Amino acid sequence: MREDGKIDYLEMPGGDLPQTKAFYAAAFGWRFTDYGPTYAAYDEGLDGGFDGDEATSKPLPVLFASDLEAMLARVTEAGGEILRPIFSFPGGRRFHFRDPAGNELAVWSEG
């Protein structure tokens, strides 16, 4: 069950995506769902995905919110720096922010 403010998904850099997928499949038996040529999702304990886009350089923890606009307001009021305002993606909507320590995170919501 998804809960507000809990880590729900982990995006990681995919690099050479076919090679990365082959490694995790061989080493750990992971299976993937491809979303285009540069993204492959996994469901292996914690849902996540590998992003083959060259701009992706470090892991991105993704938290859940049932009310995305309310969570955006809470993050802003708490001092988070909004890096990407709310946008749509396959599966829902999300925004990205930086915490006071400099970490980038995202918050997503269905639909």
PDB file of N, CA and C in Angstrom:
ATOM      1  N   MET A   1       0.835  -1.178   0.000  1.00  0.00           N
ATOM      2  CA  MET A   1       0.000   0.000   0.000  1.00  0.00           C
ATOM      3  C   MET A   1       0.883   1.246   0.000  1.00  0.00           C
ATOM      4  N   ARG A   2       0.591   2.140  -0.879  1.00  0.00           N
ATOM      5  CA  ARG A   2       1.361   3.382  -0.968  1.00  0.00           C
ATOM      6  C   ARG A   2       0.964   4.337   0.142  1.00  0.00           C
ATOM      7  N   GLU A   3       1.985   5.033   0.689  1.00  0.00           N
ATOM      8  CA  GLU A   3       1.739   5.983   1.768  1.00  0.00           C
ATOM      9  C   GLU A   3       2.417   7.301   1.454  1.00  0.00           C
ATOM     10  N   ASP A   4       1.753   8.395   1.819  1.00  0.00           N
ATOM     11  CA  ASP A   4       2.314   9.726   1.614  1.00  0.00           C
ATOM     12  C   ASP A   4       3.678   9.853   2.271  1.00  0.00           C
ATOM     13  N   GLY A   5       4.617  10.426   1.520  1.00  0.00           N
ATOM     14  CA  GLY A   5       5.932  10.728   2.064  1.00  0.00           C
ATOM     15  C   GLY A   5       6.871   9.551   2.202  1.00  0.00           C
ATOM     16  N   LYS A   6       6.484   8.366   1.757  1.00  0.00           N
ATOM     17  CA  LYS A   6       7.344   7.181   1.861  1.00  0.00           C
ATOM     18  C   LYS A   6       8.040   6.933   0.525  1.00  0.00           C
ATOM     19  N   ILE A   7       9.277   6.431   0.583  1.00  0.00           N
ATOM     20  CA  ILE A   7       9.983   6.085  -0.647  1.00  0.00           C
ATOM     21  C   ILE A   7       9.206   4.977  -1.330  1.00  0.00           C
ATOM     22  N   ASP A   8       8.879   5.222  -2.611  1.00  0.00           N
ATOM     23  CA  ASP A   8       8.012   4.320  -3.358  1.00  0.00           C
ATOM     24  C   ASP A   8       8.691   3.754  -4.594  1.00  0.00           C
ATOM     25  N   TYR A   9       9.786   4.377  -5.042  1.00  0.00           N
ATOM     26  CA  TYR A   9      10.391   4.016  -6.317  1.00  0.00           C
ATOM     27  C   TYR A   9      11.822   4.529  -6.320  1.00  0.00           C
ATOM     28  N   LEU A  10      12.707   3.858  -7.031  1.00  0.00           N
ATOM     29  CA  LEU A  10      14.097   4.302  -7.125  1.00  0.00           C
ATOM     30  C   LEU A  10      14.538   4.259  -8.575  1.00  0.00           C
ATOM     31  N   GLU A  11      14.825   5.429  -9.138  1.00  0.00           N
ATOM     32  CA  GLU A  11      15.378   5.497 -10.492  1.00  0.00           C
ATOM     33  C   GLU A  11      16.892   5.546 -10.392  1.00  0.00           C
ATOM     34  N   MET A  12      17.556   4.784 -11.263  1.00  0.00           N
ATOM     35  CA  MET A  12      19.014   4.761 -11.281  1.00  0.00           C
ATOM     36  C   MET A  12      19.497   4.971 -12.704  1.00  0.00           C
ATOM     37  N   PRO A  13      20.704   5.509 -12.866  1.00  0.00           N
ATOM     38  CA  PRO A  13      21.260   5.641 -14.205  1.00  0.00           C
ATOM     39  C   PRO A  13      21.359   4.268 -14.873  1.00  0.00           C
ATOM     40  N   GLY A  14      21.020   4.216 -16.148  1.00  0.00           N
ATOM     41  CA  GLY A  14      21.026   2.946 -16.867  1.00  0.00           C
ATOM     42  C   GLY A  14      22.255   2.714 -17.720  1.00  0.00           C
ATOM     43  N   GLY A  15      22.997   3.790 -18.030  1.00  0.00           N
ATOM     44  CA  GLY A  15      24.177   3.639 -18.884  1.00  0.00           C
ATOM     45  C   GLY A  15      23.815   2.939 -20.183  1.00  0.00           C
ATOM     46  N   ASP A  16      24.590   1.920 -20.542  1.00  0.00           N
ATOM     47  CA  ASP A  16      24.273   1.077 -21.694  1.00  0.00           C
ATOM     48  C   ASP A  16      23.133   0.174 -21.248  1.00  0.00           C
ATOM     49  N   LEU A  17      21.908   0.583 -21.544  1.00  0.00           N
ATOM     50  CA  LEU A  17      20.726  -0.070 -20.982  1.00  0.00           C
ATOM     51  C   LEU A  17      20.661  -1.569 -21.272  1.00  0.00           C
ATOM     52  N   PRO A  18      20.900  -2.040 -22.498  1.00  0.00           N
ATOM     53  CA  PRO A  18      20.865  -3.491 -22.716  1.00  0.00           C
ATOM     54  C   PRO A  18      21.892  -4.235 -21.858  1.00  0.00           C
ATOM     55  N   GLN A  19      23.073  -3.659 -21.709  1.00  0.00           N
ATOM     56  CA  GLN A  19      24.111  -4.292 -20.890  1.00  0.00           C
ATOM     57  C   GLN A  19      23.706  -4.297 -19.417  1.00  0.00           C
ATOM     58  N   THR A  20      23.144  -3.191 -18.937  1.00  0.00           N
ATOM     59  CA  THR A  20      22.706  -3.104 -17.543  1.00  0.00           C
ATOM     60  C   THR A  20      21.606  -4.119 -17.265  1.00  0.00           C
ATOM     61  N   LYS A  21      20.627  -4.199 -18.152  1.00  0.00           N
ATOM     62  CA  LYS A  21      19.536  -5.163 -17.977  1.00  0.00           C
ATOM     63  C   LYS A  21      20.071  -6.592 -17.991  1.00  0.00           C
ATOM     64  N   ALA A  22      20.986  -6.882 -18.905  1.00  0.00           N
ATOM     65  CA  ALA A  22      21.559  -8.226 -18.985  1.00  0.00           C
ATOM     66  C   ALA A  22      22.292  -8.586 -17.695  1.00  0.00           C
ATOM     67  N   PHE A  23      23.021  -7.634 -17.131  1.00  0.00           N
ATOM     68  CA  PHE A  23      23.732  -7.892 -15.880  1.00  0.00           C
ATOM     69  C   PHE A  23      22.765  -8.259 -14.759  1.00  0.00           C
ATOM     70  N   TYR A  24      21.746  -7.417 -14.524  1.00  0.00           N
ATOM     71  CA  TYR A  24      20.818  -7.667 -13.423  1.00  0.00           C
ATOM     72  C   TYR A  24      19.983  -8.928 -13.654  1.00  0.00           C
ATOM     73  N   ALA A  25      19.687  -9.238 -14.902  1.00  0.00           N
ATOM     74  CA  ALA A  25      18.960 -10.470 -15.203  1.00  0.00           C
ATOM     75  C   ALA A  25      19.828 -11.689 -14.892  1.00  0.00           C
ATOM     76  N   ALA A  26      21.095 -11.655 -15.306  1.00  0.00           N
ATOM     77  CA  ALA A  26      21.992 -12.786 -15.079  1.00  0.00           C
ATOM     78  C   ALA A  26      22.376 -12.940 -13.616  1.00  0.00           C
ATOM     79  N   ALA A  27      22.684 -11.814 -12.962  1.00  0.00           N
ATOM     80  CA  ALA A  27      23.157 -11.877 -11.574  1.00  0.00           C
ATOM     81  C   ALA A  27      22.038 -12.150 -10.574  1.00  0.00           C
ATOM     82  N   PHE A  28      20.872 -11.564 -10.794  1.00  0.00           N
ATOM     83  CA  PHE A  28      19.822 -11.610  -9.777  1.00  0.00           C
ATOM     84  C   PHE A  28      18.474 -12.131 -10.271  1.00  0.00           C
ATOM     85  N   GLY A  29      18.382 -12.429 -11.566  1.00  0.00           N
ATOM     86  CA  GLY A  29      17.127 -12.931 -12.110  1.00  0.00           C
ATOM     87  C   GLY A  29      16.055 -11.873 -12.305  1.00  0.00           C
ATOM     88  N   TRP A  30      16.465 -10.601 -12.358  1.00  0.00           N
ATOM     89  CA  TRP A  30      15.483  -9.524 -12.520  1.00  0.00           C
ATOM     90  C   TRP A  30      14.858  -9.567 -13.905  1.00  0.00           C
ATOM     91  N   ARG A  31      13.594  -9.137 -13.973  1.00  0.00           N
ATOM     92  CA  ARG A  31      12.871  -8.978 -15.232  1.00  0.00           C
ATOM     93  C   ARG A  31      12.464  -7.512 -15.360  1.00  0.00           C
ATOM     94  N   PHE A  32      12.291  -7.065 -16.584  1.00  0.00           N
ATOM     95  CA  PHE A  32      12.073  -5.647 -16.853  1.00  0.00           C
ATOM     96  C   PHE A  32      10.852  -5.405 -17.728  1.00  0.00           C
ATOM     97  N   THR A  33      10.283  -4.230 -17.565  1.00  0.00           N
ATOM     98  CA  THR A  33       9.259  -3.711 -18.467  1.00  0.00           C
ATOM     99  C   THR A  33       9.852  -2.486 -19.128  1.00  0.00           C
ATOM    100  N   ASP A  34       9.966  -2.526 -20.446  1.00  0.00           N
ATOM    101  CA  ASP A  34      10.557  -1.407 -21.178  1.00  0.00           C
ATOM    102  C   ASP A  34       9.511  -0.340 -21.460  1.00  0.00           C
ATOM    103  N   TYR A  35       9.913   0.905 -21.244  1.00  0.00           N
ATOM    104  CA  TYR A  35       9.104   2.079 -21.574  1.00  0.00           C
ATOM    105  C   TYR A  35       9.918   2.919 -22.546  1.00  0.00           C
ATOM    106  N   GLY A  36       9.944   2.508 -23.787  1.00  0.00           N
ATOM    107  CA  GLY A  36      10.751   3.174 -24.789  1.00  0.00           C
ATOM    108  C   GLY A  36      12.171   2.649 -24.778  1.00  0.00           C
ATOM    109  N   PRO A  37      13.017   3.218 -25.639  1.00  0.00           N
ATOM    110  CA  PRO A  37      14.378   2.699 -25.792  1.00  0.00           C
ATOM    111  C   PRO A  37      15.344   3.075 -24.675  1.00  0.00           C
ATOM    112  N   THR A  38      14.972   4.044 -23.814  1.00  0.00           N
ATOM    113  CA  THR A  38      15.927   4.501 -22.800  1.00  0.00           C
ATOM    114  C   THR A  38      15.455   4.285 -21.370  1.00  0.00           C
ATOM    115  N   TYR A  39      14.376   3.495 -21.168  1.00  0.00           N
ATOM    116  CA  TYR A  39      13.900   3.306 -19.793  1.00  0.00           C
ATOM    117  C   TYR A  39      13.390   1.886 -19.602  1.00  0.00           C
ATOM    118  N   ALA A  40      13.834   1.253 -18.546  1.00  0.00           N
ATOM    119  CA  ALA A  40      13.394  -0.096 -18.198  1.00  0.00           C
ATOM    120  C   ALA A  40      13.054  -0.135 -16.714  1.00  0.00           C
ATOM    121  N   ALA A  41      11.830  -0.522 -16.392  1.00  0.00           N
ATOM    122  CA  ALA A  41      11.372  -0.583 -15.001  1.00  0.00           C
ATOM    123  C   ALA A  41      11.562  -1.993 -14.452  1.00  0.00           C
ATOM    124  N   TYR A  42      11.719  -2.073 -13.132  1.00  0.00           N
ATOM    125  CA  TYR A  42      11.819  -3.361 -12.449  1.00  0.00           C
ATOM    126  C   TYR A  42      10.901  -3.355 -11.232  1.00  0.00           C
ATOM    127  N   ASP A  43      10.550  -4.538 -10.789  1.00  0.00           N
ATOM    128  CA  ASP A  43       9.722  -4.741  -9.590  1.00  0.00           C
ATOM    129  C   ASP A  43      10.384  -5.865  -8.812  1.00  0.00           C
ATOM    130  N   GLU A  44      11.399  -5.511  -8.059  1.00  0.00           N
ATOM    131  CA  GLU A  44      12.229  -6.520  -7.397  1.00  0.00           C
ATOM    132  C   GLU A  44      12.419  -6.189  -5.925  1.00  0.00           C
ATOM    133  N   GLY A  45      11.335  -6.093  -5.187  1.00  0.00           N
ATOM    134  CA  GLY A  45      11.390  -5.724  -3.776  1.00  0.00           C
ATOM    135  C   GLY A  45      10.972  -4.282  -3.623  1.00  0.00           C
ATOM    136  N   LEU A  46      11.733  -3.393  -4.192  1.00  0.00           N
ATOM    137  CA  LEU A  46      11.376  -1.974  -4.294  1.00  0.00           C
ATOM    138  C   LEU A  46      11.234  -1.692  -5.775  1.00  0.00           C
ATOM    139  N   ASP A  47      10.105  -1.146  -6.188  1.00  0.00           N
ATOM    140  CA  ASP A  47       9.919  -0.797  -7.588  1.00  0.00           C
ATOM    141  C   ASP A  47      10.938   0.258  -7.986  1.00  0.00           C
ATOM    142  N   GLY A  48      11.352   0.212  -9.234  1.00  0.00           N
ATOM    143  CA  GLY A  48      12.291   1.206  -9.723  1.00  0.00           C
ATOM    144  C   GLY A  48      12.509   1.067 -11.200  1.00  0.00           C
ATOM    145  N   GLY A  49      13.506   1.777 -11.693  1.00  0.00           N
ATOM    146  CA  GLY A  49      13.814   1.721 -13.111  1.00  0.00           C
ATOM    147  C   GLY A  49      15.204   2.214 -13.392  1.00  0.00           C
ATOM    148  N   PHE A  50      15.713   1.792 -14.548  1.00  0.00           N
ATOM    149  CA  PHE A  50      16.994   2.267 -15.052  1.00  0.00           C
ATOM    150  C   PHE A  50      16.716   3.239 -16.183  1.00  0.00           C
ATOM    151  N   ASP A  51      17.306   4.430 -16.100  1.00  0.00           N
ATOM    152  CA  ASP A  51      17.129   5.464 -17.108  1.00  0.00           C
ATOM    153  C   ASP A  51      18.404   5.558 -17.931  1.00  0.00           C
ATOM    154  N   GLY A  52      18.300   5.233 -19.215  1.00  0.00           N
ATOM    155  CA  GLY A  52      19.452   5.264 -20.098  1.00  0.00           C
ATOM    156  C   GLY A  52      19.769   6.636 -20.656  1.00  0.00           C
ATOM    157  N   ASP A  53      19.003   7.641 -20.271  1.00  0.00           N
ATOM    158  CA  ASP A  53      19.259   9.013 -20.725  1.00  0.00           C
ATOM    159  C   ASP A  53      20.603   9.462 -20.160  1.00  0.00           C
ATOM    160  N   GLU A  54      21.454   9.997 -21.011  1.00  0.00           N
ATOM    161  CA  GLU A  54      22.800  10.415 -20.580  1.00  0.00           C
ATOM    162  C   GLU A  54      22.772  11.483 -19.500  1.00  0.00           C
ATOM    163  N   ALA A  55      21.681  12.229 -19.385  1.00  0.00           N
ATOM    164  CA  ALA A  55      21.590  13.290 -18.376  1.00  0.00           C
ATOM    165  C   ALA A  55      21.397  12.729 -16.972  1.00  0.00           C
ATOM    166  N   THR A  56      21.013  11.470 -16.857  1.00  0.00           N
ATOM    167  CA  THR A  56      20.794  10.857 -15.549  1.00  0.00           C
ATOM    168  C   THR A  56      22.134  10.381 -15.013  1.00  0.00           C
ATOM    169  N   SER A  57      22.574  10.992 -13.896  1.00  0.00           N
ATOM    170  CA  SER A  57      23.918  10.690 -13.410  1.00  0.00           C
ATOM    171  C   SER A  57      23.969  10.088 -12.012  1.00  0.00           C
ATOM    172  N   LYS A  58      22.845  10.095 -11.285  1.00  0.00           N
ATOM    173  CA  LYS A  58      22.855   9.506  -9.946  1.00  0.00           C
ATOM    174  C   LYS A  58      21.456   9.004  -9.601  1.00  0.00           C
ATOM    175  N   PRO A  59      21.347   8.137  -8.603  1.00  0.00           N
ATOM    176  CA  PRO A  59      20.038   7.612  -8.225  1.00  0.00           C
ATOM    177  C   PRO A  59      19.070   8.717  -7.810  1.00  0.00           C
ATOM    178  N   LEU A  60      17.785   8.489  -8.068  1.00  0.00           N
ATOM    179  CA  LEU A  60      16.742   9.439  -7.736  1.00  0.00           C
ATOM    180  C   LEU A  60      15.671   8.728  -6.907  1.00  0.00           C
ATOM    181  N   PRO A  61      15.665   8.932  -5.574  1.00  0.00           N
ATOM    182  CA  PRO A  61      14.572   8.384  -4.763  1.00  0.00           C
ATOM    183  C   PRO A  61      13.274   9.115  -5.102  1.00  0.00           C
ATOM    184  N   VAL A  62      12.187   8.359  -5.226  1.00  0.00           N
ATOM    185  CA  VAL A  62      10.886   8.926  -5.573  1.00  0.00           C
ATOM    186  C   VAL A  62       9.898   8.581  -4.468  1.00  0.00           C
ATOM    187  N   LEU A  63       9.331   9.614  -3.844  1.00  0.00           N
ATOM    188  CA  LEU A  63       8.344   9.434  -2.785  1.00  0.00           C
ATOM    189  C   LEU A  63       6.948   9.512  -3.381  1.00  0.00           C
ATOM    190  N   PHE A  64       5.955   9.056  -2.624  1.00  0.00           N
ATOM    191  CA  PHE A  64       4.571   9.058  -3.085  1.00  0.00           C
ATOM    192  C   PHE A  64       3.770  10.147  -2.383  1.00  0.00           C
ATOM    193  N   ALA A  65       2.768  10.690  -3.085  1.00  0.00           N
ATOM    194  CA  ALA A  65       1.815  11.633  -2.488  1.00  0.00           C
ATOM    195  C   ALA A  65       0.449  11.386  -3.106  1.00  0.00           C
ATOM    196  N   SER A  66      -0.560  11.265  -2.278  1.00  0.00           N
ATOM    197  CA  SER A  66      -1.918  11.122  -2.801  1.00  0.00           C
ATOM    198  C   SER A  66      -2.418  12.453  -3.349  1.00  0.00           C
ATOM    199  N   ASP A  67      -1.926  13.572  -2.801  1.00  0.00           N
ATOM    200  CA  ASP A  67      -2.286  14.911  -3.269  1.00  0.00           C
ATOM    201  C   ASP A  67      -0.982  15.635  -3.615  1.00  0.00           C
ATOM    202  N   LEU A  68      -0.642  15.616  -4.886  1.00  0.00           N
ATOM    203  CA  LEU A  68       0.658  16.133  -5.320  1.00  0.00           C
ATOM    204  C   LEU A  68       0.813  17.627  -5.064  1.00  0.00           C
ATOM    205  N   GLU A  69      -0.235  18.397  -5.325  1.00  0.00           N
ATOM    206  CA  GLU A  69      -0.156  19.841  -5.104  1.00  0.00           C
ATOM    207  C   GLU A  69       0.052  20.172  -3.624  1.00  0.00           C
ATOM    208  N   ALA A  70      -0.645  19.455  -2.742  1.00  0.00           N
ATOM    209  CA  ALA A  70      -0.469  19.681  -1.301  1.00  0.00           C
ATOM    210  C   ALA A  70       0.949  19.327  -0.861  1.00  0.00           C
ATOM    211  N   MET A  71       1.498  18.240  -1.412  1.00  0.00           N
ATOM    212  CA  MET A  71       2.854  17.837  -1.045  1.00  0.00           C
ATOM    213  C   MET A  71       3.875  18.846  -1.579  1.00  0.00           C
ATOM    214  N   LEU A  72       3.655  19.379  -2.776  1.00  0.00           N
ATOM    215  CA  LEU A  72       4.528  20.417  -3.316  1.00  0.00           C
ATOM    216  C   LEU A  72       4.550  21.623  -2.374  1.00  0.00           C
ATOM    217  N   ALA A  73       3.379  22.020  -1.884  1.00  0.00           N
ATOM    218  CA  ALA A  73       3.302  23.140  -0.941  1.00  0.00           C
ATOM    219  C   ALA A  73       4.059  22.822   0.340  1.00  0.00           C
ATOM    220  N   ARG A  74       3.922  21.601   0.854  1.00  0.00           N
ATOM    221  CA  ARG A  74       4.619  21.212   2.095  1.00  0.00           C
ATOM    222  C   ARG A  74       6.132  21.242   1.904  1.00  0.00           C
ATOM    223  N   VAL A  75       6.596  20.697   0.763  1.00  0.00           N
ATOM    224  CA  VAL A  75       8.036  20.677   0.479  1.00  0.00           C
ATOM    225  C   VAL A  75       8.571  22.107   0.384  1.00  0.00           C
ATOM    226  N   THR A  76       7.839  22.971  -0.301  1.00  0.00           N
ATOM    227  CA  THR A  76       8.251  24.370  -0.448  1.00  0.00           C
ATOM    228  C   THR A  76       8.284  25.072   0.903  1.00  0.00           C
ATOM    229  N   GLU A  77       7.230  24.910   1.699  1.00  0.00           N
ATOM    230  CA  GLU A  77       7.160  25.541   3.027  1.00  0.00           C
ATOM    231  C   GLU A  77       8.258  25.057   3.957  1.00  0.00           C
ATOM    232  N   ALA A  78       8.689  23.803   3.775  1.00  0.00           N
ATOM    233  CA  ALA A  78       9.744  23.248   4.627  1.00  0.00           C
ATOM    234  C   ALA A  78      11.136  23.685   4.178  1.00  0.00           C
ATOM    235  N   GLY A  79      11.236  24.370   3.030  1.00  0.00           N
ATOM    236  CA  GLY A  79      12.533  24.867   2.578  1.00  0.00           C
ATOM    237  C   GLY A  79      13.130  24.104   1.419  1.00  0.00           C
ATOM    238  N   GLY A  80      12.362  23.185   0.818  1.00  0.00           N
ATOM    239  CA  GLY A  80      12.867  22.464  -0.346  1.00  0.00           C
ATOM    240  C   GLY A  80      12.928  23.376  -1.558  1.00  0.00           C
ATOM    241  N   GLU A  81      13.928  23.172  -2.400  1.00  0.00           N
ATOM    242  CA  GLU A  81      14.080  23.949  -3.628  1.00  0.00           C
ATOM    243  C   GLU A  81      13.465  23.146  -4.773  1.00  0.00           C
ATOM    244  N   ILE A  82      12.448  23.672  -5.415  1.00  0.00           N
ATOM    245  CA  ILE A  82      11.787  22.977  -6.516  1.00  0.00           C
ATOM    246  C   ILE A  82      12.685  23.065  -7.752  1.00  0.00           C
ATOM    247  N   LEU A  83      13.085  21.902  -8.256  1.00  0.00           N
ATOM    248  CA  LEU A  83      13.959  21.840  -9.429  1.00  0.00           C
ATOM    249  C   LEU A  83      13.161  21.654 -10.718  1.00  0.00           C
ATOM    250  N   ARG A  84      12.084  20.902 -10.646  1.00  0.00           N
ATOM    251  CA  ARG A  84      11.180  20.689 -11.787  1.00  0.00           C
ATOM    252  C   ARG A  84       9.760  20.748 -11.253  1.00  0.00           C
ATOM    253  N   PRO A  85       8.971  21.730 -11.683  1.00  0.00           N
ATOM    254  CA  PRO A  85       7.576  21.803 -11.238  1.00  0.00           C
ATOM    255  C   PRO A  85       6.806  20.569 -11.698  1.00  0.00           C
ATOM    256  N   ILE A  86       5.604  20.422 -11.234  1.00  0.00           N
ATOM    257  CA  ILE A  86       4.776  19.256 -11.558  1.00  0.00           C
ATOM    258  C   ILE A  86       4.696  19.063 -13.072  1.00  0.00           C
ATOM    259  N   PHE A  87       4.942  17.826 -13.503  1.00  0.00           N
ATOM    260  CA  PHE A  87       4.858  17.464 -14.915  1.00  0.00           C
ATOM    261  C   PHE A  87       4.286  16.051 -15.021  1.00  0.00           C
ATOM    262  N   SER A  88       3.755  15.738 -16.184  1.00  0.00           N
ATOM    263  CA  SER A  88       3.198  14.404 -16.442  1.00  0.00           C
ATOM    264  C   SER A  88       4.267  13.490 -17.003  1.00  0.00           C
ATOM    265  N   PHE A  89       4.139  12.201 -16.714  1.00  0.00           N
ATOM    266  CA  PHE A  89       5.004  11.166 -17.271  1.00  0.00           C
ATOM    267  C   PHE A  89       4.140   9.912 -17.397  1.00  0.00           C
ATOM    268  N   PRO A  90       4.576   8.900 -18.145  1.00  0.00           N
ATOM    269  CA  PRO A  90       3.762   7.686 -18.242  1.00  0.00           C
ATOM    270  C   PRO A  90       3.533   7.080 -16.855  1.00  0.00           C
ATOM    271  N   GLY A  91       2.307   7.057 -16.414  1.00  0.00           N
ATOM    272  CA  GLY A  91       1.993   6.492 -15.104  1.00  0.00           C
ATOM    273  C   GLY A  91       1.534   7.502 -14.076  1.00  0.00           C
ATOM    274  N   GLY A  92       1.691   8.788 -14.346  1.00  0.00           N
ATOM    275  CA  GLY A  92       1.256   9.772 -13.364  1.00  0.00           C
ATOM    276  C   GLY A  92       1.833  11.149 -13.582  1.00  0.00           C
ATOM    277  N   ARG A  93       2.021  11.852 -12.454  1.00  0.00           N
ATOM    278  CA  ARG A  93       2.604  13.197 -12.451  1.00  0.00           C
ATOM    279  C   ARG A  93       3.614  13.254 -11.317  1.00  0.00           C
ATOM    280  N   ARG A  94       4.593  14.150 -11.437  1.00  0.00           N
ATOM    281  CA  ARG A  94       5.576  14.293 -10.360  1.00  0.00           C
ATOM    282  C   ARG A  94       6.265  15.636 -10.426  1.00  0.00           C
ATOM    283  N   PHE A  95       7.017  15.936  -9.350  1.00  0.00           N
ATOM    284  CA  PHE A  95       7.907  17.094  -9.322  1.00  0.00           C
ATOM    285  C   PHE A  95       9.215  16.661  -8.690  1.00  0.00           C
ATOM    286  N   HIS A  96      10.284  17.436  -8.945  1.00  0.00           N
ATOM    287  CA  HIS A  96      11.599  17.158  -8.368  1.00  0.00           C
ATOM    288  C   HIS A  96      11.979  18.314  -7.458  1.00  0.00           C
ATOM    289  N   PHE A  97      12.694  17.994  -6.384  1.00  0.00           N
ATOM    290  CA  PHE A  97      13.156  19.032  -5.467  1.00  0.00           C
ATOM    291  C   PHE A  97      14.518  18.680  -4.908  1.00  0.00           C
ATOM    292  N   ARG A  98      15.176  19.679  -4.332  1.00  0.00           N
ATOM    293  CA  ARG A  98      16.457  19.487  -3.648  1.00  0.00           C
ATOM    294  C   ARG A  98      16.236  19.752  -2.174  1.00  0.00           C
ATOM    295  N   ASP A  99      16.734  18.845  -1.335  1.00  0.00           N
ATOM    296  CA  ASP A  99      16.614  19.032   0.115  1.00  0.00           C
ATOM    297  C   ASP A  99      17.761  19.914   0.615  1.00  0.00           C
ATOM    298  N   PRO A 100      17.766  20.318   1.884  1.00  0.00           N
ATOM    299  CA  PRO A 100      18.824  21.195   2.397  1.00  0.00           C
ATOM    300  C   PRO A 100      20.231  20.612   2.293  1.00  0.00           C
ATOM    301  N   ALA A 101      20.361  19.287   2.209  1.00  0.00           N
ATOM    302  CA  ALA A 101      21.681  18.664   2.089  1.00  0.00           C
ATOM    303  C   ALA A 101      22.153  18.581   0.643  1.00  0.00           C
ATOM    304  N   GLY A 102      21.298  18.999  -0.310  1.00  0.00           N
ATOM    305  CA  GLY A 102      21.683  18.977  -1.714  1.00  0.00           C
ATOM    306  C   GLY A 102      21.232  17.749  -2.480  1.00  0.00           C
ATOM    307  N   ASN A 103      20.493  16.853  -1.847  1.00  0.00           N
ATOM    308  CA  ASN A 103      20.003  15.651  -2.512  1.00  0.00           C
ATOM    309  C   ASN A 103      18.802  15.976  -3.389  1.00  0.00           C
ATOM    310  N   GLU A 104      18.768  15.404  -4.599  1.00  0.00           N
ATOM    311  CA  GLU A 104      17.593  15.540  -5.451  1.00  0.00           C
ATOM    312  C   GLU A 104      16.666  14.356  -5.213  1.00  0.00           C
ATOM    313  N   LEU A 105      15.405  14.653  -5.002  1.00  0.00           N
ATOM    314  CA  LEU A 105      14.362  13.642  -4.863  1.00  0.00           C
ATOM    315  C   LEU A 105      13.190  14.049  -5.735  1.00  0.00           C
ATOM    316  N   ALA A 106      12.244  13.128  -5.910  1.00  0.00           N
ATOM    317  CA  ALA A 106      11.026  13.427  -6.643  1.00  0.00           C
ATOM    318  C   ALA A 106       9.852  12.951  -5.806  1.00  0.00           C
ATOM    319  N   VAL A 107       8.689  13.515  -6.088  1.00  0.00           N
ATOM    320  CA  VAL A 107       7.437  13.069  -5.472  1.00  0.00           C
ATOM    321  C   VAL A 107       6.472  12.824  -6.625  1.00  0.00           C
ATOM    322  N   TRP A 108       5.783  11.675  -6.595  1.00  0.00           N
ATOM    323  CA  TRP A 108       4.866  11.346  -7.684  1.00  0.00           C
ATOM    324  C   TRP A 108       3.479  11.033  -7.138  1.00  0.00           C
ATOM    325  N   SER A 109       2.529  11.102  -8.053  1.00  0.00           N
ATOM    326  CA  SER A 109       1.141  10.765  -7.748  1.00  0.00           C
ATOM    327  C   SER A 109       0.524  10.121  -8.990  1.00  0.00           C
ATOM    328  N   GLU A 110      -0.407   9.225  -8.771  1.00  0.00           N
ATOM    329  CA  GLU A 110      -1.100   8.595  -9.900  1.00  0.00           C
ATOM    330  C   GLU A 110      -2.008   9.613 -10.568  1.00  0.00           C
ATOM    331  N   GLY A 111      -2.154   9.440 -11.885  1.00  0.00           N
ATOM    332  CA  GLY A 111      -3.078  10.290 -12.659  1.00  0.00           C
ATOM    333  C   GLY A 111      -2.861  11.689 -12.477  1.00  0.00           C
TER     334      GLY A 111
END
